[in-house]
Amino acid sequence: MPCRTVALSTVLAAALGAAALLLTTPPADPGRASAERAGEMLVCEQVESRYPQVFGRNCDPAQGGPLSDFTVIDRRNDNTYHCRTGWAEGSLWADGQNCRPRQG
């Protein structure tokens, strides 16, 4: 019997520890995720610039979502553009708004 009680106590302690960890972990904050994307550099296979908009295709890194104060680099010719706001759709494309060419 004592062995069974110890095993039950161990399982109960582990379950309580896991529950406490879940309760103390803060939820994901979408605003914080966006802030972490600020200053990102995207290297794209093809870039079209029609100021103040810049559109890139086949970009790395392949993440999606809002962007702010980021850089788009054209892999073909190393032309570089700084954009204030934009959106990336994974590796498919990135669309930058309020962009300007960045000098060397």
N, C-alpha and C. Protein backbone atom coordinates (compact mmCIF):
# COMPACT_ATOMS: atom_id res chain seq x y z
N MET A 1 0.79 -1.20 0.00
CA MET A 1 0.00 0.00 0.00
C MET A 1 0.84 1.27 0.00
N PRO A 2 1.94 1.35 0.82
CA PRO A 2 2.71 2.60 0.85
C PRO A 2 3.29 2.94 -0.51
N CYS A 3 3.65 1.94 -1.29
CA CYS A 3 4.23 2.19 -2.62
C CYS A 3 3.20 2.84 -3.54
N ARG A 4 1.98 2.38 -3.42
CA ARG A 4 0.90 2.93 -4.24
C ARG A 4 0.61 4.38 -3.86
N THR A 5 0.67 4.69 -2.59
CA THR A 5 0.44 6.05 -2.11
C THR A 5 1.53 6.99 -2.61
N VAL A 6 2.78 6.53 -2.60
CA VAL A 6 3.89 7.35 -3.10
C VAL A 6 3.72 7.61 -4.59
N ALA A 7 3.34 6.61 -5.35
CA ALA A 7 3.15 6.77 -6.79
C ALA A 7 2.02 7.75 -7.06
N LEU A 8 0.92 7.64 -6.32
CA LEU A 8 -0.20 8.55 -6.49
C LEU A 8 0.19 9.98 -6.12
N SER A 9 0.97 10.13 -5.06
CA SER A 9 1.44 11.46 -4.65
C SER A 9 2.35 12.07 -5.71
N THR A 10 3.18 11.27 -6.32
CA THR A 10 4.09 11.76 -7.37
C THR A 10 3.30 12.23 -8.58
N VAL A 11 2.31 11.46 -9.00
CA VAL A 11 1.47 11.84 -10.14
C VAL A 11 0.71 13.12 -9.83
N LEU A 12 0.16 13.21 -8.64
CA LEU A 12 -0.58 14.41 -8.23
C LEU A 12 0.32 15.64 -8.20
N ALA A 13 1.52 15.50 -7.68
CA ALA A 13 2.47 16.62 -7.64
C ALA A 13 2.85 17.06 -9.05
N ALA A 14 3.06 16.12 -9.95
CA ALA A 14 3.40 16.47 -11.34
C ALA A 14 2.25 17.20 -12.01
N ALA A 15 1.03 16.75 -11.78
CA ALA A 15 -0.14 17.40 -12.38
C ALA A 15 -0.31 18.82 -11.84
N LEU A 16 -0.13 19.00 -10.55
CA LEU A 16 -0.23 20.33 -9.96
C LEU A 16 0.87 21.26 -10.47
N GLY A 17 2.07 20.72 -10.64
CA GLY A 17 3.17 21.52 -11.19
C GLY A 17 2.89 21.97 -12.61
N ALA A 18 2.35 21.08 -13.43
CA ALA A 18 2.01 21.44 -14.81
C ALA A 18 0.91 22.50 -14.85
N ALA A 19 -0.09 22.35 -13.98
CA ALA A 19 -1.17 23.34 -13.93
C ALA A 19 -0.64 24.70 -13.49
N ALA A 20 0.26 24.72 -12.52
CA ALA A 20 0.84 25.99 -12.06
C ALA A 20 1.63 26.65 -13.17
N LEU A 21 2.36 25.88 -13.95
CA LEU A 21 3.13 26.43 -15.06
C LEU A 21 2.21 27.06 -16.10
N LEU A 22 1.11 26.40 -16.42
CA LEU A 22 0.16 26.95 -17.39
C LEU A 22 -0.47 28.25 -16.89
N LEU A 23 -0.73 28.32 -15.61
CA LEU A 23 -1.36 29.52 -15.04
C LEU A 23 -0.41 30.70 -14.96
N THR A 24 0.89 30.45 -14.86
CA THR A 24 1.85 31.55 -14.74
C THR A 24 2.45 31.97 -16.07
N THR A 25 2.21 31.24 -17.15
CA THR A 25 2.74 31.61 -18.46
C THR A 25 1.83 32.66 -19.09
N PRO A 26 2.38 33.84 -19.44
CA PRO A 26 1.54 34.88 -20.02
C PRO A 26 1.06 34.49 -21.42
N PRO A 27 -0.15 34.91 -21.81
CA PRO A 27 -0.64 34.60 -23.16
C PRO A 27 0.15 35.35 -24.21
N ALA A 28 0.13 34.84 -25.43
CA ALA A 28 0.82 35.52 -26.54
C ALA A 28 0.14 36.85 -26.82
N ASP A 29 0.92 37.87 -27.05
CA ASP A 29 0.40 39.21 -27.32
C ASP A 29 0.66 39.55 -28.77
N PRO A 30 -0.40 39.68 -29.63
CA PRO A 30 -0.19 39.99 -31.05
C PRO A 30 0.56 41.29 -31.26
N GLY A 31 0.35 42.28 -30.40
CA GLY A 31 1.07 43.54 -30.53
C GLY A 31 2.56 43.36 -30.34
N ARG A 32 2.92 42.47 -29.43
CA ARG A 32 4.34 42.20 -29.19
C ARG A 32 4.96 41.49 -30.38
N ALA A 33 4.23 40.57 -31.00
CA ALA A 33 4.74 39.86 -32.17
C ALA A 33 5.02 40.84 -33.30
N SER A 34 4.14 41.83 -33.49
CA SER A 34 4.35 42.83 -34.53
C SER A 34 5.58 43.66 -34.24
N ALA A 35 5.76 44.01 -32.97
CA ALA A 35 6.92 44.82 -32.60
C ALA A 35 8.21 44.06 -32.88
N GLU A 36 8.19 42.76 -32.69
CA GLU A 36 9.38 41.96 -32.95
C GLU A 36 9.72 41.91 -34.43
N ARG A 37 8.78 42.22 -35.29
CA ARG A 37 9.02 42.19 -36.72
C ARG A 37 9.59 43.51 -37.22
N ALA A 38 9.68 44.51 -36.38
CA ALA A 38 10.22 45.81 -36.78
C ALA A 38 11.71 45.66 -37.08
N GLY A 39 12.17 46.35 -38.10
CA GLY A 39 13.58 46.33 -38.45
C GLY A 39 14.03 45.11 -39.23
N GLU A 40 13.12 44.30 -39.67
CA GLU A 40 13.45 43.07 -40.38
C GLU A 40 14.03 43.36 -41.77
N MET A 41 14.87 42.45 -42.26
CA MET A 41 15.42 42.54 -43.62
C MET A 41 14.87 41.38 -44.43
N LEU A 42 14.25 41.70 -45.58
CA LEU A 42 13.71 40.69 -46.47
C LEU A 42 14.52 40.69 -47.76
N VAL A 43 15.02 39.55 -48.15
CA VAL A 43 15.76 39.41 -49.41
C VAL A 43 14.83 38.69 -50.38
N CYS A 44 14.52 39.35 -51.51
CA CYS A 44 13.54 38.83 -52.46
C CYS A 44 14.18 38.55 -53.82
N GLU A 45 13.69 37.51 -54.48
CA GLU A 45 14.20 37.14 -55.81
C GLU A 45 13.87 38.19 -56.86
N GLN A 46 12.73 38.83 -56.72
CA GLN A 46 12.29 39.83 -57.70
C GLN A 46 11.63 40.97 -56.94
N VAL A 47 12.04 42.21 -57.26
CA VAL A 47 11.49 43.38 -56.59
C VAL A 47 11.05 44.40 -57.64
N GLU A 48 9.84 44.90 -57.48
CA GLU A 48 9.32 45.97 -58.33
C GLU A 48 9.13 47.19 -57.45
N SER A 49 9.68 48.33 -57.89
CA SER A 49 9.52 49.55 -57.10
C SER A 49 8.71 50.57 -57.89
N ARG A 50 7.63 50.99 -57.29
CA ARG A 50 6.80 52.09 -57.81
C ARG A 50 6.54 52.98 -56.61
N TYR A 51 7.50 53.85 -56.35
CA TYR A 51 7.46 54.66 -55.13
C TYR A 51 6.13 55.34 -54.96
N PRO A 52 5.61 55.31 -53.78
CA PRO A 52 6.25 54.88 -52.52
C PRO A 52 6.01 53.40 -52.18
N GLN A 53 5.61 52.57 -53.16
CA GLN A 53 5.36 51.16 -52.91
C GLN A 53 6.47 50.30 -53.50
N VAL A 54 6.84 49.24 -52.77
CA VAL A 54 7.81 48.25 -53.24
C VAL A 54 7.18 46.88 -53.04
N PHE A 55 7.24 46.04 -54.09
CA PHE A 55 6.63 44.72 -54.03
C PHE A 55 7.70 43.68 -54.35
N GLY A 56 7.91 42.72 -53.45
CA GLY A 56 8.90 41.67 -53.66
C GLY A 56 8.25 40.30 -53.72
N ARG A 57 8.85 39.41 -54.55
CA ARG A 57 8.36 38.03 -54.67
C ARG A 57 9.45 37.06 -54.24
N ASN A 58 9.02 35.92 -53.72
CA ASN A 58 9.94 34.85 -53.29
C ASN A 58 10.96 35.41 -52.30
N CYS A 59 10.48 35.76 -51.13
CA CYS A 59 11.32 36.45 -50.13
C CYS A 59 11.72 35.54 -48.98
N ASP A 60 12.88 35.84 -48.39
CA ASP A 60 13.36 35.21 -47.16
C ASP A 60 13.53 36.30 -46.13
N PRO A 61 13.21 36.13 -44.89
CA PRO A 61 12.66 34.91 -44.32
C PRO A 61 11.19 34.76 -44.67
N ALA A 62 10.71 33.52 -44.62
CA ALA A 62 9.35 33.20 -45.05
C ALA A 62 8.38 33.30 -43.89
N GLN A 63 8.08 34.52 -43.47
CA GLN A 63 7.12 34.73 -42.39
C GLN A 63 6.02 35.64 -42.90
N GLY A 64 4.86 35.53 -42.32
CA GLY A 64 3.75 36.37 -42.74
C GLY A 64 3.33 37.33 -41.65
N GLY A 65 2.62 38.37 -42.08
CA GLY A 65 2.08 39.31 -41.11
C GLY A 65 2.55 40.73 -41.33
N PRO A 66 2.20 41.61 -40.40
CA PRO A 66 2.54 43.03 -40.53
C PRO A 66 4.03 43.29 -40.33
N LEU A 67 4.51 44.31 -41.01
CA LEU A 67 5.92 44.72 -40.92
C LEU A 67 5.97 46.22 -40.65
N SER A 68 7.03 46.67 -39.99
CA SER A 68 7.23 48.11 -39.81
C SER A 68 8.73 48.41 -39.83
N ASP A 69 9.07 49.56 -40.42
CA ASP A 69 10.47 49.99 -40.54
C ASP A 69 11.37 48.83 -40.93
N PHE A 70 11.15 48.30 -42.13
CA PHE A 70 11.89 47.13 -42.59
C PHE A 70 12.61 47.44 -43.91
N THR A 71 13.48 46.54 -44.31
CA THR A 71 14.29 46.70 -45.51
C THR A 71 13.98 45.57 -46.49
N VAL A 72 13.86 45.93 -47.77
CA VAL A 72 13.68 44.95 -48.84
C VAL A 72 14.92 45.02 -49.73
N ILE A 73 15.53 43.87 -49.99
CA ILE A 73 16.74 43.80 -50.82
C ILE A 73 16.42 42.95 -52.05
N ASP A 74 16.75 43.48 -53.23
CA ASP A 74 16.57 42.75 -54.49
C ASP A 74 17.80 41.87 -54.69
N ARG A 75 17.62 40.56 -54.64
CA ARG A 75 18.74 39.62 -54.74
C ARG A 75 19.45 39.73 -56.09
N ARG A 76 18.74 40.15 -57.14
CA ARG A 76 19.34 40.20 -58.49
C ARG A 76 20.40 41.28 -58.61
N ASN A 77 20.16 42.44 -57.98
CA ASN A 77 21.08 43.56 -58.19
C ASN A 77 21.47 44.27 -56.89
N ASP A 78 21.07 43.74 -55.75
CA ASP A 78 21.37 44.30 -54.43
C ASP A 78 20.77 45.68 -54.19
N ASN A 79 19.80 46.11 -55.01
CA ASN A 79 19.10 47.36 -54.71
C ASN A 79 18.37 47.18 -53.38
N THR A 80 18.42 48.22 -52.56
CA THR A 80 17.88 48.15 -51.21
C THR A 80 16.87 49.27 -50.99
N TYR A 81 15.75 48.94 -50.33
CA TYR A 81 14.68 49.90 -50.09
C TYR A 81 14.27 49.83 -48.62
N HIS A 82 14.06 50.98 -48.02
CA HIS A 82 13.56 51.05 -46.65
C HIS A 82 12.08 51.41 -46.70
N CYS A 83 11.25 50.64 -46.00
CA CYS A 83 9.80 50.86 -46.00
C CYS A 83 9.31 51.07 -44.57
N ARG A 84 8.36 51.98 -44.42
CA ARG A 84 7.81 52.29 -43.09
C ARG A 84 6.81 51.23 -42.62
N THR A 85 5.93 50.78 -43.51
CA THR A 85 4.94 49.77 -43.14
C THR A 85 4.79 48.78 -44.29
N GLY A 86 4.18 47.65 -44.00
CA GLY A 86 3.95 46.66 -45.05
C GLY A 86 3.37 45.37 -44.50
N TRP A 87 3.32 44.40 -45.40
CA TRP A 87 2.75 43.09 -45.07
C TRP A 87 3.51 42.03 -45.84
N ALA A 88 3.81 40.92 -45.19
CA ALA A 88 4.47 39.78 -45.84
C ALA A 88 3.51 38.60 -45.83
N GLU A 89 3.49 37.87 -46.91
CA GLU A 89 2.65 36.68 -47.03
C GLU A 89 3.57 35.48 -47.21
N GLY A 90 4.25 35.13 -46.13
CA GLY A 90 5.20 34.02 -46.16
C GLY A 90 6.31 34.31 -47.16
N SER A 91 6.76 33.28 -47.85
CA SER A 91 7.81 33.48 -48.85
C SER A 91 7.23 33.96 -50.18
N LEU A 92 5.90 33.96 -50.31
CA LEU A 92 5.28 34.32 -51.59
C LEU A 92 5.56 35.76 -51.98
N TRP A 93 5.28 36.71 -51.08
CA TRP A 93 5.48 38.11 -51.43
C TRP A 93 5.54 38.98 -50.19
N ALA A 94 6.08 40.18 -50.39
CA ALA A 94 6.10 41.22 -49.37
C ALA A 94 5.73 42.53 -50.05
N ASP A 95 4.86 43.30 -49.42
CA ASP A 95 4.40 44.56 -49.98
C ASP A 95 4.76 45.67 -49.01
N GLY A 96 5.62 46.59 -49.45
CA GLY A 96 6.04 47.70 -48.60
C GLY A 96 5.38 49.00 -49.00
N GLN A 97 4.98 49.79 -48.02
CA GLN A 97 4.37 51.10 -48.24
C GLN A 97 5.29 52.18 -47.67
N ASN A 98 5.19 53.38 -48.23
CA ASN A 98 6.03 54.50 -47.79
C ASN A 98 7.51 54.12 -47.85
N CYS A 99 7.94 53.65 -49.02
CA CYS A 99 9.31 53.16 -49.21
C CYS A 99 10.17 54.21 -49.92
N ARG A 100 11.47 54.08 -49.71
CA ARG A 100 12.44 54.92 -50.43
C ARG A 100 13.71 54.11 -50.63
N PRO A 101 14.46 54.43 -51.68
CA PRO A 101 15.71 53.69 -51.90
C PRO A 101 16.70 54.00 -50.79
N ARG A 102 17.48 53.03 -50.44
CA ARG A 102 18.50 53.20 -49.40
C ARG A 102 19.85 53.25 -50.09
N GLN A 103 20.61 54.25 -49.76
CA GLN A 103 21.93 54.43 -50.37
C GLN A 103 22.96 53.59 -49.64
N GLY A 104 23.81 52.90 -50.41
CA GLY A 104 24.89 52.06 -50.06
C GLY A 104 25.37 51.91 -48.72
